[in-house]
Amino acid sequence: MLIPLDRSGKAFIFEFKVLNPYEDERTLEETLASARAQIEEKHYEAELISEGFAPGQIRKYGFAFQGKTCLIG
């Protein structure tokens, strides 16, 4: 997470994953979806909301890697 000192700014949640064919991930898109799902399943934004951030101030990004290739969404 990146949390701004000024609470009027935006906060960012990042989840990084590497494509793992042993976990039923065949594409970077599937790995990206897994990263985004983890952000929601683990309720990472709850800490930010408890610190006074509105849901509209929180940006969530998944990063999927396969070697030097990266997909962000």
Protein backbone atom coordinates (compact mmCIF):
# COMPACT_ATOMS: atom_id res chain seq x y z
CA MET A 1 0.00 0.00 0.00
CA LEU A 2 0.98 3.57 -0.61
CA ILE A 3 -0.68 5.86 1.90
CA PRO A 4 -0.39 9.62 1.40
CA LEU A 5 0.48 11.79 4.40
CA ASP A 6 -2.28 14.15 3.34
CA ARG A 7 -5.51 12.18 3.87
CA SER A 8 -7.21 14.17 1.12
CA GLY A 9 -5.10 12.37 -1.50
CA LYS A 10 -5.48 8.94 -3.04
CA ALA A 11 -4.22 5.69 -1.50
CA PHE A 12 -3.00 2.78 -3.61
CA ILE A 13 -3.14 -0.97 -3.08
CA PHE A 14 -0.81 -3.11 -5.18
CA GLU A 15 -0.77 -6.91 -5.45
CA PHE A 16 2.09 -8.53 -7.35
CA LYS A 17 1.86 -12.08 -8.73
CA VAL A 18 4.03 -14.23 -10.95
CA LEU A 19 2.31 -16.54 -13.43
CA ASN A 20 2.27 -20.01 -11.88
CA PRO A 21 1.10 -22.78 -14.24
CA TYR A 22 0.80 -25.13 -11.25
CA GLU A 23 -2.04 -22.99 -9.87
CA ASP A 24 -4.22 -23.27 -12.99
CA GLU A 25 -2.94 -19.99 -14.43
CA ARG A 26 -2.26 -20.27 -18.14
CA THR A 27 -2.12 -16.59 -19.09
CA LEU A 28 -1.08 -13.25 -17.65
CA GLU A 29 -4.74 -12.25 -17.74
CA GLU A 30 -5.61 -15.12 -15.38
CA THR A 31 -2.74 -14.17 -13.08
CA LEU A 32 -3.91 -10.56 -13.09
CA ALA A 33 -7.44 -11.69 -12.23
CA SER A 34 -6.01 -13.72 -9.35
CA ALA A 35 -4.14 -10.67 -8.03
CA ARG A 36 -7.26 -8.51 -8.21
CA ALA A 37 -9.33 -11.23 -6.52
CA GLN A 38 -6.81 -11.45 -3.67
CA ILE A 39 -7.14 -7.72 -3.01
CA GLU A 40 -10.89 -8.19 -2.58
CA GLU A 41 -10.78 -11.51 -0.70
CA LYS A 42 -8.26 -10.27 1.88
CA HIS A 43 -10.12 -6.94 2.33
CA TYR A 44 -6.92 -4.93 2.03
CA GLU A 45 -8.89 -1.68 1.77
CA ALA A 46 -10.38 -2.15 5.27
CA GLU A 47 -7.23 -0.72 6.88
CA LEU A 48 -7.40 2.36 4.68
CA ILE A 49 -11.10 2.89 5.35
CA SER A 50 -10.45 2.59 9.09
CA GLU A 51 -7.84 5.35 8.71
CA GLY A 52 -10.42 7.69 7.21
CA PHE A 53 -10.11 7.13 3.47
CA ALA A 54 -13.31 7.05 1.45
CA PRO A 55 -13.66 4.11 -0.97
CA GLY A 56 -13.43 6.59 -3.86
CA GLN A 57 -9.94 7.60 -2.71
CA ILE A 58 -8.59 4.04 -2.90
CA ARG A 59 -7.09 2.72 -6.13
CA LYS A 60 -6.41 -1.02 -6.52
CA TYR A 61 -3.93 -2.48 -9.01
CA GLY A 62 -2.84 -5.99 -9.79
CA PHE A 63 0.52 -6.72 -11.41
CA ALA A 64 1.06 -10.00 -13.24
CA PHE A 65 4.55 -11.07 -14.31
CA GLN A 66 5.93 -13.74 -16.58
CA GLY A 67 9.66 -13.26 -16.96
CA LYS A 68 10.18 -9.69 -18.15
CA THR A 69 6.58 -9.33 -19.33
CA CYS A 70 4.16 -7.50 -17.07
CA LEU A 71 0.42 -6.87 -17.22
CA ILE A 72 -1.13 -4.22 -14.96
CA GLY A 73 -4.78 -3.74 -14.29
